[in-house]
């Protein structure tokens, strides 16, 4: 009797699998994972550096008025939250530094030296040993980007701040005719 039930259950599952429509997987779990493709997370520590100029993570910083009592630059590493759900074009992302005094949107610069009010990708790497990151600005599964963030206003000791990285938005095309 149990063997018959198992055989019928197996036949129903096989028929369903063979008649499934082609295309993307569907379901609640897949939909939830698909939505996390643009989610970034900080990987490791966030470090602040005194406003003294020089180099930070191998990136030269422009500093007209050094003030070692204030924080000038911040470094952090970012990666995708869920491993294999897509990629984020960090090169087109909006990066903002928010303090109690307001929010500043920083511009991305690819060259050195980095001036106040800018940020750059200092280094790219891979979280899986022996694998290398591509030479593009797409943050892909397993890749990690080290960022140097240099707000135009130095931060005072103990001042709270928030770094916000917003992936670029995709503009949907509705007129396909």
C-alpha atoms as a PDB file:
ATOM      1  CA  UNK A   1       0.000   0.000   0.000  1.00  0.00           C
ATOM      2  CA  UNK A   2       2.734   2.487   0.976  1.00  0.00           C
ATOM      3  CA  UNK A   3       4.667   1.549  -2.157  1.00  0.00           C
ATOM      4  CA  UNK A   4       1.638   2.426  -4.299  1.00  0.00           C
ATOM      5  CA  UNK A   5       1.266   5.844  -2.628  1.00  0.00           C
ATOM      6  CA  UNK A   6       4.963   6.608  -3.144  1.00  0.00           C
ATOM      7  CA  UNK A   7       4.776   5.512  -6.783  1.00  0.00           C
ATOM      8  CA  UNK A   8       1.713   7.707  -7.429  1.00  0.00           C
ATOM      9  CA  UNK A   9       3.339  10.680  -5.701  1.00  0.00           C
ATOM     10  CA  UNK A  10       6.507  10.205  -7.754  1.00  0.00           C
ATOM     11  CA  UNK A  11       4.468   9.979 -10.986  1.00  0.00           C
ATOM     12  CA  UNK A  12       2.577  13.196 -10.161  1.00  0.00           C
ATOM     13  CA  UNK A  13       5.826  15.073  -9.381  1.00  0.00           C
ATOM     14  CA  UNK A  14       7.492  13.791 -12.558  1.00  0.00           C
ATOM     15  CA  UNK A  15       4.495  14.789 -14.690  1.00  0.00           C
ATOM     16  CA  UNK A  16       4.475  18.254 -13.109  1.00  0.00           C
ATOM     17  CA  UNK A  17       8.213  18.716 -13.667  1.00  0.00           C
ATOM     18  CA  UNK A  18       8.002  17.609 -17.304  1.00  0.00           C
ATOM     19  CA  UNK A  19       5.050  19.895 -18.040  1.00  0.00           C
ATOM     20  CA  UNK A  20       6.421  22.990 -16.271  1.00  0.00           C
ATOM     21  CA  UNK A  21       6.583  26.033 -18.553  1.00  0.00           C
ATOM     22  CA  UNK A  22      10.087  27.169 -19.539  1.00  0.00           C
ATOM     23  CA  UNK A  23      11.429  30.420 -18.148  1.00  0.00           C
ATOM     24  CA  UNK A  24      12.540  31.834 -14.855  1.00  0.00           C
ATOM     25  CA  UNK A  25      11.866  30.002 -11.631  1.00  0.00           C
ATOM     26  CA  UNK A  26       8.913  31.316  -9.684  1.00  0.00           C
ATOM     27  CA  UNK A  27       7.721  31.284  -6.137  1.00  0.00           C
ATOM     28  CA  UNK A  28       7.950  33.215  -2.917  1.00  0.00           C
ATOM     29  CA  UNK A  29      11.563  32.328  -2.057  1.00  0.00           C
ATOM     30  CA  UNK A  30      12.849  33.029  -5.566  1.00  0.00           C
ATOM     31  CA  UNK A  31      11.036  36.384  -5.628  1.00  0.00           C
ATOM     32  CA  UNK A  32      12.516  37.364  -2.277  1.00  0.00           C
ATOM     33  CA  UNK A  33      16.041  36.441  -3.377  1.00  0.00           C
ATOM     34  CA  UNK A  34      15.598  38.238  -6.693  1.00  0.00           C
ATOM     35  CA  UNK A  35      14.785  41.475  -4.836  1.00  0.00           C
ATOM     36  CA  UNK A  36      18.065  41.370  -2.902  1.00  0.00           C
ATOM     37  CA  UNK A  37      20.234  41.584  -6.019  1.00  0.00           C
ATOM     38  CA  UNK A  38      20.866  45.296  -5.519  1.00  0.00           C
ATOM     39  CA  UNK A  39      21.497  45.112  -1.776  1.00  0.00           C
ATOM     40  CA  UNK A  40      24.976  46.034  -0.619  1.00  0.00           C
ATOM     41  CA  UNK A  41      26.604  45.355   2.684  1.00  0.00           C
ATOM     42  CA  UNK A  42      29.735  46.549   4.406  1.00  0.00           C
ATOM     43  CA  UNK A  43      32.325  43.797   4.534  1.00  0.00           C
ATOM     44  CA  UNK A  44      34.698  44.258   7.427  1.00  0.00           C
ATOM     45  CA  UNK A  45      35.438  47.446   9.303  1.00  0.00           C
ATOM     46  CA  UNK A  46      34.895  51.124   8.493  1.00  0.00           C
ATOM     47  CA  UNK A  47      37.975  53.276   9.140  1.00  0.00           C
ATOM     48  CA  UNK A  48      38.259  57.035   9.542  1.00  0.00           C
ATOM     49  CA  UNK A  49      41.466  58.972   8.789  1.00  0.00           C
ATOM     50  CA  UNK A  50      42.654  62.329  10.092  1.00  0.00           C
ATOM     51  CA  UNK A  51      42.499  65.292   7.730  1.00  0.00           C
ATOM     52  CA  UNK A  52      46.221  65.365   6.965  1.00  0.00           C
ATOM     53  CA  UNK A  53      46.426  64.606   3.244  1.00  0.00           C
ATOM     54  CA  UNK A  54      48.891  62.010   2.075  1.00  0.00           C
ATOM     55  CA  UNK A  55      47.620  58.614   0.978  1.00  0.00           C
ATOM     56  CA  UNK A  56      44.853  56.349   2.234  1.00  0.00           C
ATOM     57  CA  UNK A  57      44.783  52.761   0.962  1.00  0.00           C
ATOM     58  CA  UNK A  58      47.232  53.786  -1.762  1.00  0.00           C
ATOM     59  CA  UNK A  59      45.027  56.697  -2.928  1.00  0.00           C
ATOM     60  CA  UNK A  60      46.498  60.215  -2.798  1.00  0.00           C
ATOM     61  CA  UNK A  61      44.244  62.813  -1.134  1.00  0.00           C
ATOM     62  CA  UNK A  62      44.257  66.560  -1.788  1.00  0.00           C
ATOM     63  CA  UNK A  63      44.308  68.533   1.465  1.00  0.00           C
ATOM     64  CA  UNK A  64      44.530  72.342   1.398  1.00  0.00           C
ATOM     65  CA  UNK A  65      44.083  72.899   5.147  1.00  0.00           C
ATOM     66  CA  UNK A  66      45.244  69.945   7.266  1.00  0.00           C
ATOM     67  CA  UNK A  67      43.555  69.512  10.648  1.00  0.00           C
ATOM     68  CA  UNK A  68      44.619  66.304  12.420  1.00  0.00           C
ATOM     69  CA  UNK A  69      41.847  66.790  15.015  1.00  0.00           C
ATOM     70  CA  UNK A  70      39.164  66.186  12.351  1.00  0.00           C
ATOM     71  CA  UNK A  71      38.303  63.171  10.220  1.00  0.00           C
ATOM     72  CA  UNK A  72      38.878  63.747   6.526  1.00  0.00           C
ATOM     73  CA  UNK A  73      38.450  60.401   4.751  1.00  0.00           C
ATOM     74  CA  UNK A  74      36.637  57.150   5.380  1.00  0.00           C
ATOM     75  CA  UNK A  75      37.384  53.712   3.948  1.00  0.00           C
ATOM     76  CA  UNK A  76      35.151  50.672   3.795  1.00  0.00           C
ATOM     77  CA  UNK A  77      34.673  47.531   1.735  1.00  0.00           C
ATOM     78  CA  UNK A  78      31.339  46.656   0.147  1.00  0.00           C
ATOM     79  CA  UNK A  79      29.957  43.516  -1.448  1.00  0.00           C
ATOM     80  CA  UNK A  80      26.588  42.122  -2.492  1.00  0.00           C
ATOM     81  CA  UNK A  81      24.318  40.952   0.325  1.00  0.00           C
ATOM     82  CA  UNK A  82      23.270  37.729  -1.377  1.00  0.00           C
ATOM     83  CA  UNK A  83      25.955  36.004  -3.409  1.00  0.00           C
ATOM     84  CA  UNK A  84      24.636  35.205  -6.857  1.00  0.00           C
ATOM     85  CA  UNK A  85      21.598  37.342  -7.517  1.00  0.00           C
ATOM     86  CA  UNK A  86      22.968  39.926  -9.948  1.00  0.00           C
ATOM     87  CA  UNK A  87      25.337  42.855  -9.979  1.00  0.00           C
ATOM     88  CA  UNK A  88      25.430  46.554  -9.085  1.00  0.00           C
ATOM     89  CA  UNK A  89      27.216  49.177 -11.167  1.00  0.00           C
ATOM     90  CA  UNK A  90      29.089  50.904  -8.366  1.00  0.00           C
ATOM     91  CA  UNK A  91      30.574  53.311 -10.899  1.00  0.00           C
ATOM     92  CA  UNK A  92      27.109  54.803 -11.435  1.00  0.00           C
ATOM     93  CA  UNK A  93      25.905  54.527  -7.830  1.00  0.00           C
ATOM     94  CA  UNK A  94      25.042  57.617  -5.810  1.00  0.00           C
ATOM     95  CA  UNK A  95      27.118  57.976  -2.644  1.00  0.00           C
ATOM     96  CA  UNK A  96      25.985  60.365   0.078  1.00  0.00           C
ATOM     97  CA  UNK A  97      27.368  61.360   3.455  1.00  0.00           C
ATOM     98  CA  UNK A  98      24.671  62.488   5.890  1.00  0.00           C
ATOM     99  CA  UNK A  99      25.353  64.382   9.124  1.00  0.00           C
ATOM    100  CA  UNK A 100      23.204  66.453  11.470  1.00  0.00           C
ATOM    101  CA  UNK A 101      24.079  69.483   9.319  1.00  0.00           C
ATOM    102  CA  UNK A 102      22.786  67.954   6.086  1.00  0.00           C
ATOM    103  CA  UNK A 103      23.464  65.503   3.292  1.00  0.00           C
ATOM    104  CA  UNK A 104      26.227  65.765   0.716  1.00  0.00           C
ATOM    105  CA  UNK A 105      26.244  63.777  -2.529  1.00  0.00           C
ATOM    106  CA  UNK A 106      29.809  62.966  -3.507  1.00  0.00           C
ATOM    107  CA  UNK A 107      31.054  62.610  -7.080  1.00  0.00           C
ATOM    108  CA  UNK A 108      32.975  59.538  -8.148  1.00  0.00           C
ATOM    109  CA  UNK A 109      36.463  60.035  -9.495  1.00  0.00           C
ATOM    110  CA  UNK A 110      38.496  57.334 -11.184  1.00  0.00           C
ATOM    111  CA  UNK A 111      41.832  59.123 -11.060  1.00  0.00           C
ATOM    112  CA  UNK A 112      44.149  60.284  -8.338  1.00  0.00           C
ATOM    113  CA  UNK A 113      44.535  62.438  -6.402  1.00  0.00           C
ATOM    114  CA  UNK A 114      41.065  62.516  -4.832  1.00  0.00           C
ATOM    115  CA  UNK A 115      39.767  65.933  -3.819  1.00  0.00           C
ATOM    116  CA  UNK A 116      37.281  66.659  -1.030  1.00  0.00           C
ATOM    117  CA  UNK A 117      33.705  65.982  -2.119  1.00  0.00           C
ATOM    118  CA  UNK A 118      34.673  62.855  -4.080  1.00  0.00           C
ATOM    119  CA  UNK A 119      34.996  59.113  -3.655  1.00  0.00           C
ATOM    120  CA  UNK A 120      36.813  56.383  -5.549  1.00  0.00           C
ATOM    121  CA  UNK A 121      37.179  52.631  -5.824  1.00  0.00           C
ATOM    122  CA  UNK A 122      40.634  52.039  -4.360  1.00  0.00           C
ATOM    123  CA  UNK A 123      40.846  48.299  -4.916  1.00  0.00           C
ATOM    124  CA  UNK A 124      38.788  45.377  -6.172  1.00  0.00           C
ATOM    125  CA  UNK A 125      39.052  41.846  -4.934  1.00  0.00           C
ATOM    126  CA  UNK A 126      37.213  38.581  -4.632  1.00  0.00           C
ATOM    127  CA  UNK A 127      35.924  36.910  -1.487  1.00  0.00           C
ATOM    128  CA  UNK A 128      36.685  33.429  -2.836  1.00  0.00           C
ATOM    129  CA  UNK A 129      40.383  32.515  -2.590  1.00  0.00           C
ATOM    130  CA  UNK A 130      42.317  32.329  -5.882  1.00  0.00           C
ATOM    131  CA  UNK A 131      39.618  34.205  -7.837  1.00  0.00           C
ATOM    132  CA  UNK A 132      40.093  37.744  -9.146  1.00  0.00           C
ATOM    133  CA  UNK A 133      37.597  40.565  -9.632  1.00  0.00           C
ATOM    134  CA  UNK A 134      36.970  41.923 -13.130  1.00  0.00           C
ATOM    135  CA  UNK A 135      38.410  45.241 -14.257  1.00  0.00           C
ATOM    136  CA  UNK A 136      34.986  46.898 -14.457  1.00  0.00           C
ATOM    137  CA  UNK A 137      32.886  48.812 -11.919  1.00  0.00           C
ATOM    138  CA  UNK A 138      30.183  46.142 -11.761  1.00  0.00           C
ATOM    139  CA  UNK A 139      30.109  44.666  -8.282  1.00  0.00           C
ATOM    140  CA  UNK A 140      29.335  41.041  -9.052  1.00  0.00           C
ATOM    141  CA  UNK A 141      28.753  37.984  -6.857  1.00  0.00           C
ATOM    142  CA  UNK A 142      31.828  37.230  -4.773  1.00  0.00           C
ATOM    143  CA  UNK A 143      33.515  40.546  -5.559  1.00  0.00           C
ATOM    144  CA  UNK A 144      34.437  43.141  -2.980  1.00  0.00           C
ATOM    145  CA  UNK A 145      35.276  46.805  -3.621  1.00  0.00           C
ATOM    146  CA  UNK A 146      37.361  48.932  -1.233  1.00  0.00           C
ATOM    147  CA  UNK A 147      36.108  52.523  -1.281  1.00  0.00           C
ATOM    148  CA  UNK A 148      37.817  55.749  -0.213  1.00  0.00           C
ATOM    149  CA  UNK A 149      35.202  58.362   0.685  1.00  0.00           C
ATOM    150  CA  UNK A 150      36.330  61.974   1.094  1.00  0.00           C
ATOM    151  CA  UNK A 151      33.539  64.381   2.116  1.00  0.00           C
ATOM    152  CA  UNK A 152      34.057  68.086   1.442  1.00  0.00           C
ATOM    153  CA  UNK A 153      33.436  68.959   5.109  1.00  0.00           C
ATOM    154  CA  UNK A 154      35.732  67.300   7.664  1.00  0.00           C
ATOM    155  CA  UNK A 155      33.968  65.588  10.549  1.00  0.00           C
ATOM    156  CA  UNK A 156      34.492  66.582  14.164  1.00  0.00           C
ATOM    157  CA  UNK A 157      35.527  64.015  16.806  1.00  0.00           C
ATOM    158  CA  UNK A 158      32.488  62.035  17.905  1.00  0.00           C
ATOM    159  CA  UNK A 159      30.287  63.462  15.144  1.00  0.00           C
ATOM    160  CA  UNK A 160      27.749  60.951  13.879  1.00  0.00           C
ATOM    161  CA  UNK A 161      27.502  60.352  10.155  1.00  0.00           C
ATOM    162  CA  UNK A 162      25.866  57.951   7.750  1.00  0.00           C
ATOM    163  CA  UNK A 163      27.220  56.776   4.403  1.00  0.00           C
ATOM    164  CA  UNK A 164      24.502  55.873   1.931  1.00  0.00           C
ATOM    165  CA  UNK A 165      25.236  54.051  -1.330  1.00  0.00           C
ATOM    166  CA  UNK A 166      22.274  53.912  -3.689  1.00  0.00           C
ATOM    167  CA  UNK A 167      22.636  51.621  -6.702  1.00  0.00           C
ATOM    168  CA  UNK A 168      21.632  53.199 -10.022  1.00  0.00           C
ATOM    169  CA  UNK A 169      17.963  52.945 -10.879  1.00  0.00           C
ATOM    170  CA  UNK A 170      16.806  51.225 -14.035  1.00  0.00           C
ATOM    171  CA  UNK A 171      14.342  53.292 -16.026  1.00  0.00           C
ATOM    172  CA  UNK A 172      11.640  50.972 -17.346  1.00  0.00           C
ATOM    173  CA  UNK A 173      10.844  51.248 -21.046  1.00  0.00           C
ATOM    174  CA  UNK A 174       7.106  51.277 -21.653  1.00  0.00           C
ATOM    175  CA  UNK A 175       6.979  52.235 -25.339  1.00  0.00           C
ATOM    176  CA  UNK A 176       8.305  49.200 -27.164  1.00  0.00           C
ATOM    177  CA  UNK A 177       6.594  50.029 -30.492  1.00  0.00           C
END
